[in-house]
N, C-alpha and C. Protein backbone atom coordinates (compact mmCIF):
# COMPACT_ATOMS: atom_id res chain seq x y z
N MET A 1 132.48 31.08 -102.07
CA MET A 1 131.64 29.90 -102.11
C MET A 1 131.35 29.38 -100.69
N GLN A 2 132.39 29.31 -99.86
CA GLN A 2 132.20 28.80 -98.50
C GLN A 2 131.30 29.73 -97.69
N SER A 3 131.42 31.05 -97.87
CA SER A 3 130.58 31.97 -97.11
C SER A 3 129.11 31.79 -97.47
N MET A 4 128.81 31.45 -98.73
CA MET A 4 127.42 31.20 -99.12
C MET A 4 126.89 29.95 -98.42
N LEU A 5 127.73 28.94 -98.31
CA LEU A 5 127.34 27.71 -97.62
C LEU A 5 127.10 27.97 -96.14
N ILE A 6 127.98 28.74 -95.53
CA ILE A 6 127.82 29.09 -94.11
C ILE A 6 126.50 29.83 -93.91
N LYS A 7 126.21 30.80 -94.77
CA LYS A 7 124.98 31.56 -94.64
C LYS A 7 123.75 30.67 -94.81
N LYS A 8 123.79 29.74 -95.78
CA LYS A 8 122.66 28.84 -96.00
C LYS A 8 122.37 27.98 -94.78
N VAL A 9 123.42 27.52 -94.13
CA VAL A 9 123.27 26.68 -92.95
C VAL A 9 122.84 27.53 -91.74
N ALA A 10 123.38 28.73 -91.62
CA ALA A 10 123.13 29.56 -90.44
C ALA A 10 121.80 30.30 -90.50
N ILE A 11 121.30 30.61 -91.68
CA ILE A 11 120.10 31.43 -91.79
C ILE A 11 118.91 30.86 -91.01
N PRO A 12 118.60 29.57 -91.14
CA PRO A 12 117.47 29.06 -90.34
C PRO A 12 117.69 29.19 -88.83
N GLN A 13 118.91 28.97 -88.37
CA GLN A 13 119.22 29.11 -86.94
C GLN A 13 119.07 30.57 -86.51
N VAL A 14 119.56 31.47 -87.33
CA VAL A 14 119.49 32.90 -87.02
C VAL A 14 118.03 33.35 -86.94
N LEU A 15 117.24 32.98 -87.93
CA LEU A 15 115.83 33.38 -87.95
C LEU A 15 115.07 32.80 -86.75
N LYS A 16 115.35 31.55 -86.43
CA LYS A 16 114.69 30.92 -85.29
C LYS A 16 115.02 31.66 -84.00
N LEU A 17 116.28 32.00 -83.80
CA LEU A 17 116.70 32.71 -82.60
C LEU A 17 116.16 34.13 -82.57
N PHE A 18 116.14 34.79 -83.72
CA PHE A 18 115.57 36.14 -83.84
C PHE A 18 114.11 36.14 -83.39
N LYS A 19 113.33 35.20 -83.90
CA LYS A 19 111.92 35.09 -83.53
C LYS A 19 111.75 34.74 -82.06
N LEU A 20 112.58 33.83 -81.56
CA LEU A 20 112.52 33.44 -80.15
C LEU A 20 112.80 34.63 -79.24
N LEU A 21 113.81 35.43 -79.57
CA LEU A 21 114.12 36.61 -78.77
C LEU A 21 112.93 37.58 -78.75
N HIS A 22 112.29 37.76 -79.89
CA HIS A 22 111.14 38.67 -79.92
C HIS A 22 109.95 38.10 -79.13
N ARG A 23 109.71 36.80 -79.21
CA ARG A 23 108.64 36.21 -78.40
C ARG A 23 108.94 36.34 -76.91
N THR A 24 110.19 36.11 -76.54
CA THR A 24 110.59 36.24 -75.13
C THR A 24 110.43 37.68 -74.68
N ARG A 25 110.86 38.61 -75.50
CA ARG A 25 110.72 40.05 -75.21
C ARG A 25 109.25 40.39 -74.97
N GLN A 26 108.37 39.90 -75.82
CA GLN A 26 106.95 40.21 -75.68
C GLN A 26 106.37 39.64 -74.39
N GLU A 27 106.83 38.49 -73.99
CA GLU A 27 106.34 37.87 -72.75
C GLU A 27 106.90 38.58 -71.52
N VAL A 28 108.20 38.80 -71.51
CA VAL A 28 108.85 39.37 -70.33
C VAL A 28 108.40 40.81 -70.07
N PHE A 29 108.24 41.59 -71.13
CA PHE A 29 107.91 43.01 -70.98
C PHE A 29 106.48 43.34 -71.40
N LYS A 30 105.55 42.38 -71.29
CA LYS A 30 104.23 42.55 -71.89
C LYS A 30 103.44 43.75 -71.40
N HIS A 31 103.68 44.25 -70.23
CA HIS A 31 102.93 45.41 -69.72
C HIS A 31 103.79 46.67 -69.66
N ASP A 32 104.91 46.67 -70.34
CA ASP A 32 105.85 47.79 -70.27
C ASP A 32 106.21 48.22 -71.70
N THR A 33 105.45 49.16 -72.22
CA THR A 33 105.63 49.56 -73.62
C THR A 33 107.02 50.13 -73.90
N ARG A 34 107.57 50.87 -72.95
CA ARG A 34 108.92 51.43 -73.17
C ARG A 34 109.96 50.32 -73.26
N ALA A 35 109.89 49.35 -72.37
CA ALA A 35 110.85 48.24 -72.40
C ALA A 35 110.63 47.37 -73.64
N LEU A 36 109.37 47.16 -74.03
CA LEU A 36 109.08 46.40 -75.25
C LEU A 36 109.75 47.04 -76.46
N GLU A 37 109.60 48.34 -76.59
CA GLU A 37 110.15 49.05 -77.74
C GLU A 37 111.68 49.08 -77.69
N ALA A 38 112.24 49.33 -76.51
CA ALA A 38 113.70 49.37 -76.38
C ALA A 38 114.31 48.01 -76.71
N ALA A 39 113.70 46.94 -76.21
CA ALA A 39 114.20 45.59 -76.49
C ALA A 39 114.05 45.26 -77.97
N ARG A 40 112.93 45.66 -78.57
CA ARG A 40 112.71 45.42 -80.01
C ARG A 40 113.80 46.10 -80.83
N GLN A 41 114.06 47.35 -80.51
CA GLN A 41 115.09 48.10 -81.24
C GLN A 41 116.46 47.47 -81.07
N LYS A 42 116.80 47.06 -79.85
CA LYS A 42 118.12 46.48 -79.59
C LYS A 42 118.29 45.15 -80.32
N ILE A 43 117.28 44.29 -80.27
CA ILE A 43 117.36 43.00 -80.98
C ILE A 43 117.56 43.24 -82.47
N ASN A 44 116.70 44.10 -83.04
CA ASN A 44 116.79 44.37 -84.48
C ASN A 44 118.14 44.98 -84.85
N GLU A 45 118.62 45.90 -84.04
CA GLU A 45 119.90 46.56 -84.29
C GLU A 45 121.06 45.57 -84.29
N GLU A 46 121.10 44.70 -83.29
CA GLU A 46 122.19 43.74 -83.18
C GLU A 46 122.19 42.75 -84.36
N PHE A 47 121.02 42.28 -84.73
CA PHE A 47 120.95 41.35 -85.86
C PHE A 47 121.31 42.07 -87.16
N LYS A 48 120.85 43.30 -87.33
CA LYS A 48 121.17 44.06 -88.55
C LYS A 48 122.67 44.35 -88.64
N ASN A 49 123.27 44.72 -87.51
CA ASN A 49 124.71 45.04 -87.50
C ASN A 49 125.57 43.84 -87.88
N ASN A 50 125.05 42.65 -87.70
CA ASN A 50 125.85 41.45 -87.96
C ASN A 50 125.33 40.62 -89.13
N GLN A 51 124.42 41.17 -89.92
CA GLN A 51 123.80 40.40 -91.00
C GLN A 51 124.75 40.01 -92.11
N ASP A 52 125.85 40.72 -92.27
CA ASP A 52 126.80 40.40 -93.33
C ASP A 52 127.99 39.57 -92.85
N GLU A 53 127.93 39.10 -91.63
CA GLU A 53 129.03 38.29 -91.08
C GLU A 53 129.18 37.00 -91.87
N THR A 54 130.43 36.66 -92.21
CA THR A 54 130.68 35.43 -92.98
C THR A 54 131.55 34.43 -92.24
N SER A 55 132.19 34.86 -91.18
CA SER A 55 133.06 33.96 -90.42
C SER A 55 132.22 32.95 -89.65
N GLU A 56 132.47 31.67 -89.91
CA GLU A 56 131.72 30.61 -89.23
C GLU A 56 131.88 30.71 -87.71
N GLU A 57 133.10 30.96 -87.25
CA GLU A 57 133.34 31.06 -85.80
C GLU A 57 132.61 32.25 -85.20
N LYS A 58 132.62 33.38 -85.89
CA LYS A 58 131.94 34.57 -85.39
C LYS A 58 130.43 34.36 -85.36
N ILE A 59 129.89 33.70 -86.38
CA ILE A 59 128.45 33.42 -86.41
C ILE A 59 128.07 32.52 -85.24
N LYS A 60 128.87 31.49 -84.98
CA LYS A 60 128.61 30.61 -83.84
C LYS A 60 128.65 31.39 -82.53
N GLU A 61 129.62 32.26 -82.40
CA GLU A 61 129.75 33.08 -81.20
C GLU A 61 128.53 33.99 -81.02
N LEU A 62 128.10 34.63 -82.10
CA LEU A 62 126.94 35.52 -82.03
C LEU A 62 125.66 34.75 -81.70
N LEU A 63 125.52 33.56 -82.26
CA LEU A 63 124.35 32.73 -81.95
C LEU A 63 124.35 32.33 -80.47
N LYS A 64 125.51 32.01 -79.94
CA LYS A 64 125.65 31.65 -78.53
C LYS A 64 125.27 32.84 -77.63
N ILE A 65 125.76 34.01 -77.99
CA ILE A 65 125.43 35.22 -77.21
C ILE A 65 123.93 35.47 -77.23
N ALA A 66 123.32 35.40 -78.42
CA ALA A 66 121.89 35.64 -78.54
C ALA A 66 121.10 34.61 -77.73
N SER A 67 121.52 33.37 -77.78
CA SER A 67 120.86 32.32 -77.01
C SER A 67 120.99 32.58 -75.51
N ASP A 68 122.16 32.98 -75.07
CA ASP A 68 122.37 33.30 -73.66
C ASP A 68 121.49 34.47 -73.22
N VAL A 69 121.37 35.48 -74.07
CA VAL A 69 120.53 36.65 -73.76
C VAL A 69 119.07 36.21 -73.60
N GLU A 70 118.62 35.33 -74.48
CA GLU A 70 117.23 34.86 -74.40
C GLU A 70 117.00 34.14 -73.07
N VAL A 71 117.93 33.30 -72.66
CA VAL A 71 117.79 32.58 -71.39
C VAL A 71 117.78 33.55 -70.21
N ILE A 72 118.66 34.52 -70.24
CA ILE A 72 118.71 35.52 -69.16
C ILE A 72 117.41 36.30 -69.09
N LEU A 73 116.91 36.74 -70.24
CA LEU A 73 115.64 37.46 -70.25
C LEU A 73 114.52 36.60 -69.65
N ARG A 74 114.45 35.36 -70.08
CA ARG A 74 113.38 34.46 -69.68
C ARG A 74 113.46 34.07 -68.21
N THR A 75 114.67 33.95 -67.67
CA THR A 75 114.82 33.41 -66.32
C THR A 75 115.19 34.43 -65.25
N SER A 76 115.68 35.60 -65.65
CA SER A 76 116.22 36.52 -64.65
C SER A 76 115.56 37.88 -64.58
N VAL A 77 114.77 38.24 -65.56
CA VAL A 77 114.15 39.57 -65.55
C VAL A 77 112.81 39.48 -64.84
N ILE A 78 112.60 40.39 -63.91
CA ILE A 78 111.35 40.45 -63.17
C ILE A 78 110.77 41.85 -63.38
N GLN A 79 109.56 41.90 -63.87
CA GLN A 79 108.86 43.17 -64.02
C GLN A 79 108.05 43.39 -62.74
N ALA A 80 108.07 44.59 -62.24
CA ALA A 80 107.32 44.92 -61.03
C ALA A 80 106.54 46.20 -61.26
N VAL A 81 105.50 46.37 -60.45
CA VAL A 81 104.65 47.54 -60.52
C VAL A 81 104.64 48.20 -59.16
N HIS A 82 104.87 49.50 -59.15
CA HIS A 82 104.82 50.27 -57.91
C HIS A 82 103.36 50.58 -57.64
N THR A 83 102.78 50.00 -56.58
CA THR A 83 101.35 50.14 -56.33
C THR A 83 101.00 51.32 -55.41
N ASP A 84 101.86 51.62 -54.48
CA ASP A 84 101.69 52.79 -53.63
C ASP A 84 103.05 53.13 -53.05
N SER A 85 103.11 54.03 -52.12
CA SER A 85 104.41 54.50 -51.62
C SER A 85 105.19 53.44 -50.85
N ASP A 86 104.52 52.39 -50.37
CA ASP A 86 105.21 51.39 -49.55
C ASP A 86 105.28 50.00 -50.19
N ARG A 87 104.76 49.84 -51.39
CA ARG A 87 104.66 48.50 -51.97
C ARG A 87 105.12 48.45 -53.42
N ILE A 88 105.81 47.39 -53.73
CA ILE A 88 106.14 47.06 -55.12
C ILE A 88 105.71 45.61 -55.31
N VAL A 89 104.92 45.36 -56.35
CA VAL A 89 104.34 44.04 -56.58
C VAL A 89 104.85 43.50 -57.91
N SER A 90 105.19 42.22 -57.91
CA SER A 90 105.59 41.57 -59.16
C SER A 90 104.45 41.64 -60.15
N ASP A 91 104.78 41.89 -61.40
CA ASP A 91 103.79 41.95 -62.46
C ASP A 91 103.04 40.62 -62.56
N TYR A 92 103.72 39.52 -62.27
CA TYR A 92 103.08 38.20 -62.32
C TYR A 92 102.01 38.09 -61.23
N ALA A 93 102.25 38.69 -60.08
CA ALA A 93 101.28 38.63 -58.99
C ALA A 93 100.01 39.37 -59.38
N LEU A 94 100.13 40.43 -60.15
CA LEU A 94 98.96 41.20 -60.56
C LEU A 94 98.06 40.41 -61.50
N GLU A 95 98.64 39.50 -62.27
CA GLU A 95 97.85 38.71 -63.20
C GLU A 95 96.88 37.79 -62.46
N ASP A 96 97.22 37.42 -61.23
CA ASP A 96 96.37 36.54 -60.44
C ASP A 96 95.21 37.28 -59.79
N LEU A 97 95.28 38.61 -59.74
CA LEU A 97 94.24 39.39 -59.07
C LEU A 97 92.99 39.48 -59.91
């Protein structure tokens, strides 16, 4: 009974974070199809591997990890493009051209 209650409370949080991670993935890796696909697979795999978790503490821990990953992706990943033999340009800089 308690595990059903935990799941009912956690499901909206889990879905919200799942969607947020995918939106962040699409933004961070928007010009890199290999990274987009690898990140998509990893996000889906991690959520699927833990979909039957019933421990409230473990669910909180997993939500915290997922939230931390989203912040790291959003704030610390830089995509760059190799333009010639002597230059590497941030993907963001190319959008301004």
